[in-house]
Amino acid sequence: MNQATADFIRNHAAADVRQLALQGTKIPGVDLLFALDQIAGRQTARQKLPSWAGTEGIVYPPHLSMEQCSSEQTARYKAIVAGGGQRLVDLTGGFGVDFSFMARHFAEAVYVEREEPLCDIARENFQTLGLAQAEVVCADSVTFLQTMPPADLIYLDPARRDAHGGRTYSISDCTPDVLALLPQLLEKSHRVLLKLSPMLDWRKAVADIGRQHVREVHIVSVANECKELLVLLYHGEGLSLTCVNDDSAWRVTPDAVDPEAFASAVNPETFASDVAASTWLYEPNTAVMKSGCFGLLSRQYGVKAIAPNSHLFVASEKVEGFPGRVFQIEAVTTMNKRELKQHLQGLTQANITVRNFPLAVADLRRRLKISEGGSTYIFATTLANHSHVLLITRKPCTEPQSR
């Protein structure tokens, strides 16, 4: 990068990239397309990759690669799951975010990517990041796998877009096809870590890969938004499940080795018989919701589901460590006009959530004439007896920390 381009990037670091592109001004010596990628990339990185954004000399790829790359938070978590060892091979290098965090725990680390421009960026960035053990290989991952030496860990993040740019979710529809490569992957490495679409059902993913190969499943959420499904394969016994949301994690021990046991439904006999008599409401975080392990959750924390499909839980006592949000119930009302008037009198603002309820949030707001915001949280849901109710709640002064 020449000095004129570097100066342009520095002088327009906070500029609107779309406006800069529309201006289309040709400045002598400035590679405008490259400069725009760097400005946009660093702006994205401030939120997505803060440690990279704070490192001078990082080169950013075009927008699509920035959009598809992992966040720093999820990359750091993958590094924990990956552990360490002698040799790491990342067969789907991309922008190299996941690789860069995992590589620090391995004596040797090989980044494989078929697109040469990404390889050029990776070489420069790995040097800037001080990853002396990193080797960049520009090659097709399937071809490289056939002749590569054994590794302690192989990592794959298969591309989830088809030839026309459309999104795909099934493991076999991604590139490379992990299921077709599975025998080679397990032959070449002690452990294989797969990053899969958060849209996948983890039980189906385990079944597709082969229950005998999968030892760990990690459902990863950030800010209560499900981001990734990680599957770790290695020789051994048992199957563990971890549901992660930011700094909290709900770990299901390998004692429950049957995927069906993990996802068992709540026993109808344990539904809350009188929600209005309960003091506390519990809402699982998105990773736990994605797991579907509501029966196990109910048994482990001693909370009662309010209905089969509402996925909300109540208890008369405060439960510590519940993996999700906790609310104190102030009132429970049906949709009867007289009851609504009694319980909502004077309330002009509330945060509304609907679960297994016939009205959307916007429709319910109009009906209740309540705007968004405030310290009151209303959960509109359906009880086990099929009645529609509103649970009027507030957050406690100090919420229990999820584990």
Protein backbone atom coordinates (compact mmCIF):
# COMPACT_ATOMS: atom_id res chain seq x y z
CA MET A 1 0.00 0.00 0.00
CA ASN A 2 1.44 3.35 -1.04
CA GLN A 3 1.55 6.46 1.15
CA ALA A 4 -1.26 8.29 -0.69
CA THR A 5 -3.65 5.38 -0.13
CA ALA A 6 -2.60 5.04 3.52
CA ASP A 7 -3.18 8.77 4.09
CA PHE A 8 -6.62 8.58 2.44
CA ILE A 9 -7.63 5.68 4.68
CA ARG A 10 -6.42 7.47 7.80
CA ASN A 11 -8.09 10.78 6.90
CA HIS A 12 -11.44 9.13 6.13
CA ALA A 13 -11.47 6.52 8.90
CA ALA A 14 -14.87 7.62 10.20
CA ALA A 15 -16.40 8.60 6.84
CA ASP A 16 -19.55 7.09 5.30
CA VAL A 17 -18.12 4.56 2.83
CA ARG A 18 -21.20 4.73 0.60
CA GLN A 19 -20.83 8.48 0.26
CA LEU A 20 -17.12 8.11 -0.55
CA ALA A 21 -17.95 5.52 -3.20
CA LEU A 22 -20.68 7.71 -4.74
CA GLN A 23 -18.30 10.63 -5.00
CA GLY A 24 -16.05 8.47 -7.14
CA THR A 25 -13.34 11.07 -6.93
CA LYS A 26 -10.07 9.96 -8.47
CA ILE A 27 -7.21 11.09 -6.30
CA PRO A 28 -3.71 10.67 -7.74
CA GLY A 29 -1.96 7.65 -6.28
CA VAL A 30 -4.99 6.42 -4.27
CA ASP A 31 -6.29 2.90 -4.83
CA LEU A 32 -9.90 3.86 -4.06
CA LEU A 33 -11.46 0.36 -4.08
CA PHE A 34 -8.81 -0.97 -1.72
CA ALA A 35 -9.12 2.09 0.49
CA LEU A 36 -12.90 1.73 0.75
CA ASP A 37 -12.52 -1.92 1.79
CA GLN A 38 -10.07 -0.89 4.51
CA ILE A 39 -12.24 1.92 5.85
CA ALA A 40 -15.39 -0.24 5.87
CA GLY A 41 -13.51 -3.24 7.26
CA ARG A 42 -12.04 -1.35 10.17
CA GLN A 43 -15.38 0.24 10.99
CA THR A 44 -16.95 -3.23 11.12
CA ALA A 45 -14.01 -4.58 13.11
CA ARG A 46 -14.47 -2.00 15.87
CA GLN A 47 -17.58 -3.92 16.91
CA LYS A 48 -16.84 -7.38 15.55
CA LEU A 49 -13.06 -7.68 16.04
CA PRO A 50 -12.02 -5.01 18.55
CA SER A 51 -8.48 -6.33 19.12
CA TRP A 52 -7.87 -6.35 15.35
CA ALA A 53 -9.33 -2.87 14.93
CA GLY A 54 -6.87 -1.70 17.55
CA THR A 55 -3.90 -3.27 15.75
CA GLU A 56 -2.14 -1.11 13.17
CA GLY A 57 -1.38 -2.82 9.89
CA ILE A 58 -4.32 -5.23 9.70
CA VAL A 59 -5.57 -5.58 6.12
CA TYR A 60 -9.30 -6.10 5.61
CA PRO A 61 -10.97 -8.08 2.80
CA PRO A 62 -14.01 -7.07 0.70
CA HIS A 63 -17.38 -6.76 2.43
CA LEU A 64 -18.62 -10.35 1.93
CA SER A 65 -15.63 -11.88 3.72
CA MET A 66 -16.04 -9.41 6.58
CA GLU A 67 -19.73 -10.29 6.79
CA GLN A 68 -19.05 -14.03 6.89
CA CYS A 69 -16.09 -14.06 9.28
CA SER A 70 -16.50 -14.96 12.95
CA SER A 71 -16.69 -12.35 15.63
CA GLU A 72 -13.83 -12.09 18.09
CA GLN A 73 -16.08 -13.36 20.87
CA THR A 74 -17.00 -16.57 19.05
CA ALA A 75 -13.42 -17.04 17.78
CA ARG A 76 -12.08 -16.88 21.33
CA TYR A 77 -14.62 -19.48 22.40
CA LYS A 78 -13.61 -21.78 19.53
CA ALA A 79 -10.01 -21.49 20.69
CA ILE A 80 -11.10 -22.83 24.09
CA VAL A 81 -12.99 -25.73 22.49
CA ALA A 82 -10.07 -26.48 20.15
CA GLY A 83 -7.59 -26.71 22.99
CA GLY A 84 -3.96 -27.00 21.92
CA GLY A 85 -1.37 -29.38 20.60
CA GLN A 86 1.40 -29.77 18.07
CA ARG A 87 -0.34 -29.19 14.74
CA LEU A 88 -3.52 -27.37 13.67
CA VAL A 89 -4.89 -27.41 10.12
CA ASP A 90 -7.67 -25.02 9.12
CA LEU A 91 -9.02 -26.29 5.79
CA THR A 92 -11.38 -23.33 5.25
CA GLY A 93 -9.19 -20.36 6.11
CA GLY A 94 -11.28 -17.43 4.83
CA PHE A 95 -10.33 -14.14 6.48
CA GLY A 96 -8.46 -16.15 9.12
CA VAL A 97 -10.16 -14.89 12.29
CA ASP A 98 -10.89 -18.32 13.80
CA PHE A 99 -7.48 -19.59 12.72
CA SER A 100 -5.64 -16.68 14.32
CA PHE A 101 -7.14 -17.32 17.76
CA MET A 102 -6.76 -21.11 17.65
CA ALA A 103 -3.24 -21.00 16.20
CA ARG A 104 -1.77 -19.44 19.35
CA HIS A 105 -2.31 -22.72 21.19
CA PHE A 106 -0.50 -24.91 18.65
CA ALA A 107 3.20 -25.27 17.85
CA GLU A 108 2.40 -25.48 14.12
CA ALA A 109 -0.65 -24.01 12.39
CA VAL A 110 -1.56 -24.39 8.72
CA TYR A 111 -4.09 -22.10 7.06
CA VAL A 112 -5.54 -23.48 3.79
CA GLU A 113 -7.54 -21.27 1.41
CA ARG A 114 -8.18 -21.59 -2.32
CA GLU A 115 -8.68 -17.86 -3.00
CA GLU A 116 -5.28 -16.26 -3.53
CA PRO A 117 -6.30 -12.70 -2.50
CA LEU A 118 -7.41 -14.01 0.90
CA CYS A 119 -4.14 -15.91 1.25
CA ASP A 120 -2.19 -12.71 0.55
CA ILE A 121 -4.19 -10.87 3.22
CA ALA A 122 -3.73 -13.73 5.68
CA ARG A 123 0.06 -13.78 5.25
CA GLU A 124 0.30 -10.08 6.01
CA ASN A 125 -2.12 -10.20 8.93
CA PHE A 126 -0.58 -13.25 10.60
CA GLN A 127 2.80 -11.54 10.49
CA THR A 128 1.27 -8.39 11.99
CA LEU A 129 -0.37 -10.49 14.72
CA GLY A 130 2.91 -12.20 15.57
CA LEU A 131 1.85 -15.70 14.49
CA ALA A 132 5.29 -16.97 13.56
CA GLN A 133 4.08 -20.58 13.58
CA ALA A 134 1.42 -19.89 10.90
CA GLU A 135 1.86 -21.34 7.41
CA VAL A 136 -0.40 -20.11 4.61
CA VAL A 137 -1.20 -22.57 1.83
CA CYS A 138 -3.17 -21.54 -1.25
CA ALA A 139 -4.87 -24.79 -2.25
CA ASP A 140 -8.16 -26.62 -2.58
CA SER A 141 -9.01 -28.08 0.82
CA VAL A 142 -10.06 -31.48 -0.51
CA THR A 143 -6.86 -31.88 -2.51
CA PHE A 144 -4.72 -30.71 0.41
CA LEU A 145 -6.41 -33.14 2.80
CA GLN A 146 -5.44 -36.12 0.65
CA THR A 147 -1.68 -35.54 1.02
CA MET A 148 -1.32 -33.57 4.26
CA PRO A 149 0.60 -34.98 7.25
CA PRO A 150 -1.41 -35.94 10.36
CA ALA A 151 -2.68 -33.16 12.63
CA ASP A 152 -3.86 -32.84 16.21
CA LEU A 153 -6.89 -30.81 15.11
CA ILE A 154 -8.56 -30.15 11.78
CA TYR A 155 -10.97 -27.24 11.66
CA LEU A 156 -13.62 -26.70 8.98
CA ASP A 157 -16.16 -23.94 8.49
CA PRO A 158 -17.89 -25.14 5.28
CA ALA A 159 -19.23 -22.43 2.98
CA ARG A 160 -22.99 -22.15 3.41
CA ARG A 161 -23.75 -20.63 0.02
CA ASP A 162 -24.51 -22.40 -3.25
CA ALA A 163 -23.14 -21.58 -6.71
CA HIS A 164 -25.76 -18.83 -7.09
CA GLY A 165 -24.98 -17.17 -3.76
CA GLY A 166 -28.05 -18.55 -2.00
CA ARG A 167 -27.79 -19.73 1.58
CA THR A 168 -27.63 -23.44 2.38
CA TYR A 169 -27.91 -25.09 5.78
CA SER A 170 -27.69 -28.87 5.41
CA ILE A 171 -24.21 -30.26 6.06
CA SER A 172 -24.16 -32.15 2.76
CA ASP A 173 -25.11 -28.99 0.81
CA CYS A 174 -22.13 -27.01 2.11
CA THR A 175 -18.67 -26.78 0.53
CA PRO A 176 -16.65 -28.83 1.16
CA ASP A 177 -18.99 -31.73 1.86
CA VAL A 178 -17.89 -32.73 5.34
CA LEU A 179 -19.89 -35.97 5.34
CA ALA A 180 -18.13 -37.18 2.19
CA LEU A 181 -14.74 -36.25 3.66
CA LEU A 182 -15.40 -37.70 7.10
CA PRO A 183 -13.34 -40.94 6.73
CA GLN A 184 -10.31 -38.94 5.56
CA LEU A 185 -10.72 -36.30 8.24
CA LEU A 186 -10.83 -38.88 11.03
CA GLU A 187 -7.87 -40.72 9.53
CA LYS A 188 -5.76 -37.56 9.36
CA SER A 189 -6.52 -36.06 12.77
CA HIS A 190 -7.16 -36.99 16.40
CA ARG A 191 -9.86 -34.33 16.58
CA VAL A 192 -12.09 -32.55 14.06
CA LEU A 193 -13.91 -29.32 14.89
CA LEU A 194 -16.83 -28.30 12.66
CA LYS A 195 -18.56 -24.94 12.59
CA LEU A 196 -22.08 -25.44 11.27
CA SER A 197 -25.12 -23.28 10.62
CA PRO A 198 -27.03 -22.18 13.74
CA MET A 199 -30.17 -23.04 11.75
CA LEU A 200 -29.40 -26.75 12.00
CA ASP A 201 -31.02 -28.99 14.59
CA TRP A 202 -28.08 -30.29 16.62
CA ARG A 203 -29.65 -33.74 17.03
CA LYS A 204 -29.93 -34.14 13.25
CA ALA A 205 -26.37 -32.90 12.81
CA VAL A 206 -25.15 -35.55 15.25
CA ALA A 207 -27.17 -38.23 13.47
CA ASP A 208 -25.91 -37.15 10.03
CA ILE A 209 -22.27 -37.15 11.13
CA GLY A 210 -22.60 -40.35 13.11
CA ARG A 211 -23.31 -40.56 16.83
CA GLN A 212 -20.22 -42.72 17.30
CA HIS A 213 -17.93 -39.87 16.22
CA VAL A 214 -19.39 -36.87 18.06
CA ARG A 215 -18.16 -36.15 21.58
CA GLU A 216 -19.10 -32.49 22.11
CA VAL A 217 -21.80 -30.13 20.83
CA HIS A 218 -21.63 -26.39 21.54
CA ILE A 219 -24.51 -24.02 20.78
CA VAL A 220 -23.04 -20.51 20.79
CA SER A 221 -25.06 -17.32 21.20
CA VAL A 222 -23.91 -13.71 21.44
CA ALA A 223 -26.16 -11.09 23.05
CA ASN A 224 -28.94 -13.72 23.05
CA GLU A 225 -28.67 -14.31 19.29
CA CYS A 226 -27.71 -17.82 18.19
CA LYS A 227 -24.57 -17.58 16.04
CA GLU A 228 -22.92 -20.97 15.67
CA LEU A 229 -23.25 -24.69 16.13
CA LEU A 230 -19.90 -26.31 16.92
CA VAL A 231 -19.40 -30.06 16.77
CA LEU A 232 -16.20 -31.69 18.05
CA LEU A 233 -15.32 -35.19 16.86
CA TYR A 234 -12.80 -37.49 18.51
CA HIS A 235 -12.46 -41.04 19.80
CA GLY A 236 -14.04 -41.67 23.16
CA GLU A 237 -17.28 -42.24 25.00
CA GLY A 238 -20.22 -40.03 25.91
CA LEU A 239 -21.72 -36.89 24.45
CA SER A 240 -21.71 -33.50 26.16
CA LEU A 241 -23.77 -30.45 25.29
CA THR A 242 -22.86 -26.85 26.14
CA CYS A 243 -25.20 -23.89 25.59
CA VAL A 244 -23.25 -20.63 25.59
CA ASN A 245 -24.56 -17.08 25.73
CA ASP A 246 -21.87 -14.41 26.11
CA ASP A 247 -19.95 -15.23 29.30
CA SER A 248 -22.41 -17.79 30.63
CA ALA A 249 -22.64 -21.46 29.80
CA TRP A 250 -25.06 -24.24 30.69
CA ARG A 251 -23.17 -27.52 30.50
CA VAL A 252 -24.94 -30.82 30.37
CA THR A 253 -22.61 -33.49 31.70
CA PRO A 254 -21.79 -36.65 29.73
CA ASP A 255 -24.03 -38.64 32.09
CA ALA A 256 -26.94 -38.10 29.70
CA VAL A 257 -25.37 -39.77 26.67
CA ASP A 258 -28.55 -40.29 24.68
CA PRO A 259 -29.50 -37.39 22.35
CA GLU A 260 -33.15 -38.26 22.92
CA ALA A 261 -32.66 -37.85 26.68
CA PHE A 262 -31.06 -34.46 26.10
CA ALA A 263 -34.09 -33.21 24.20
CA SER A 264 -36.78 -34.85 26.28
CA ALA A 265 -39.99 -32.88 26.61
CA VAL A 266 -41.34 -31.53 29.85
CA ASN A 267 -43.46 -34.11 31.64
CA PRO A 268 -47.10 -32.89 31.48
CA GLU A 269 -47.49 -33.91 35.12
CA THR A 270 -44.95 -31.25 36.12
CA PHE A 271 -46.65 -28.27 34.45
CA ALA A 272 -47.34 -25.38 36.80
CA SER A 273 -50.86 -25.82 38.12
CA ASP A 274 -51.27 -22.22 39.25
CA VAL A 275 -49.03 -19.70 37.51
CA ALA A 276 -50.58 -16.81 39.45
CA ALA A 277 -49.31 -18.35 42.69
CA SER A 278 -45.71 -18.33 41.44
CA THR A 279 -43.27 -15.55 42.29
CA TRP A 280 -40.55 -15.97 39.66
CA LEU A 281 -40.59 -16.29 35.87
CA TYR A 282 -37.66 -17.80 33.96
CA GLU A 283 -36.97 -17.34 30.26
CA PRO A 284 -34.19 -19.56 28.80
CA ASN A 285 -31.58 -17.86 26.64
CA THR A 286 -31.48 -18.53 22.90
CA ALA A 287 -28.78 -21.20 23.11
CA VAL A 288 -30.84 -23.20 25.60
CA MET A 289 -33.96 -22.63 23.49
CA LYS A 290 -32.07 -23.96 20.49
CA SER A 291 -31.05 -27.07 22.42
CA GLY A 292 -34.67 -28.06 23.06
CA CYS A 293 -33.66 -29.58 26.39
CA PHE A 294 -36.63 -28.22 28.30
CA GLY A 295 -37.35 -31.37 30.29
CA LEU A 296 -33.75 -31.57 31.47
CA LEU A 297 -33.76 -27.84 32.28
CA SER A 298 -36.94 -28.21 34.33
CA ARG A 299 -35.56 -31.13 36.33
CA GLN A 300 -32.12 -29.63 36.90
CA TYR A 301 -33.33 -26.26 38.20
CA GLY A 302 -36.59 -27.33 39.80
CA VAL A 303 -38.69 -24.95 37.71
CA LYS A 304 -42.07 -25.78 36.20
CA ALA A 305 -43.04 -25.18 32.59
CA ILE A 306 -46.24 -23.21 32.17
CA ALA A 307 -47.25 -25.11 29.01
CA PRO A 308 -45.86 -27.53 26.39
CA ASN A 309 -44.94 -24.91 23.78
CA SER A 310 -44.52 -21.65 25.67
CA HIS A 311 -40.99 -22.43 26.91
CA LEU A 312 -41.39 -20.23 29.96
CA PHE A 313 -40.86 -21.52 33.48
CA VAL A 314 -42.01 -20.48 36.94
CA ALA A 315 -41.08 -21.19 40.52
CA SER A 316 -42.16 -20.03 43.96
CA GLU A 317 -38.54 -19.79 45.09
CA LYS A 318 -35.68 -17.84 43.53
CA VAL A 319 -33.43 -20.21 41.55
CA GLU A 320 -29.75 -19.33 41.31
CA GLY A 321 -27.79 -19.89 38.12
CA PHE A 322 -30.67 -20.30 35.68
CA PRO A 323 -29.34 -19.94 32.09
CA GLY A 324 -31.48 -17.06 30.91
CA ARG A 325 -33.45 -14.06 32.13
CA VAL A 326 -35.21 -13.94 35.48
CA PHE A 327 -38.27 -11.83 36.31
CA GLN A 328 -40.42 -11.23 39.37
CA ILE A 329 -44.10 -11.78 38.67
CA GLU A 330 -46.32 -8.91 39.78
CA ALA A 331 -49.63 -10.01 38.27
CA VAL A 332 -51.25 -12.48 35.89
CA THR A 333 -54.26 -11.45 33.86
CA THR A 334 -56.44 -12.97 31.17
CA MET A 335 -57.43 -10.93 28.11
CA ASN A 336 -60.75 -10.07 29.77
CA LYS A 337 -61.28 -6.30 29.43
CA ARG A 338 -62.16 -5.81 33.09
CA GLU A 339 -59.07 -7.71 34.24
CA LEU A 340 -56.84 -5.84 31.80
CA LYS A 341 -58.13 -2.51 33.05
CA GLN A 342 -57.49 -3.56 36.64
CA HIS A 343 -53.94 -4.79 36.14
CA LEU A 344 -52.72 -2.36 33.49
CA GLN A 345 -54.23 0.83 34.87
CA GLY A 346 -51.76 3.69 34.57
CA LEU A 347 -49.26 1.61 32.58
CA THR A 348 -48.20 3.42 29.41
CA GLN A 349 -44.89 1.67 28.62
CA ALA A 350 -43.77 -1.95 28.74
CA ASN A 351 -41.45 -4.43 27.03
CA ILE A 352 -43.65 -7.09 25.43
CA THR A 353 -42.74 -10.65 24.46
CA VAL A 354 -45.17 -13.12 22.90
CA ARG A 355 -44.73 -16.89 23.25
CA ASN A 356 -47.28 -19.29 21.79
CA PHE A 357 -49.83 -16.48 21.63
CA PRO A 358 -52.38 -15.63 18.90
CA LEU A 359 -51.34 -11.95 18.56
CA ALA A 360 -48.08 -10.46 17.32
CA VAL A 361 -46.27 -7.92 19.50
CA ALA A 362 -47.37 -4.96 17.35
CA ASP A 363 -51.01 -6.07 17.41
CA LEU A 364 -50.94 -6.59 21.16
CA ARG A 365 -49.41 -3.15 21.71
CA ARG A 366 -52.21 -1.53 19.74
CA ARG A 367 -54.82 -3.47 21.65
CA LEU A 368 -53.31 -2.62 25.04
CA LYS A 369 -52.39 0.95 24.00
CA ILE A 370 -48.93 0.53 25.51
CA SER A 371 -45.74 1.91 23.94
CA GLU A 372 -42.31 0.27 24.07
CA GLY A 373 -39.90 0.78 26.96
CA GLY A 374 -40.02 1.19 30.69
CA SER A 375 -39.20 -1.23 33.51
CA THR A 376 -42.25 -3.48 33.13
CA TYR A 377 -41.98 -6.71 31.10
CA ILE A 378 -45.16 -8.34 29.79
CA PHE A 379 -45.09 -11.94 28.57
CA ALA A 380 -48.13 -12.88 26.50
CA THR A 381 -48.49 -16.63 26.36
CA THR A 382 -50.78 -19.67 26.54
CA LEU A 383 -51.09 -21.86 29.62
CA ALA A 384 -51.41 -25.64 29.75
CA ASN A 385 -55.20 -25.27 30.02
CA HIS A 386 -55.13 -23.35 26.69
CA SER A 387 -56.07 -20.00 28.24
CA HIS A 388 -54.32 -16.87 26.97
CA VAL A 389 -52.71 -14.75 29.68
CA LEU A 390 -50.38 -11.82 30.25
CA LEU A 391 -47.65 -12.20 32.85
CA ILE A 392 -46.77 -8.76 34.16
CA THR A 393 -43.24 -8.79 35.56
CA ARG A 394 -40.21 -6.74 36.51
CA LYS A 395 -36.54 -7.62 36.66
CA PRO A 396 -35.23 -8.18 40.18
CA CYS A 397 -32.70 -5.72 41.54
CA THR A 398 -29.92 -8.25 41.10
CA GLU A 399 -30.34 -11.02 38.52
CA PRO A 400 -28.80 -14.44 39.15
CA GLN A 401 -25.79 -15.07 36.97
CA SER A 402 -26.18 -17.86 34.39
CA ARG A 403 -23.63 -20.60 34.55
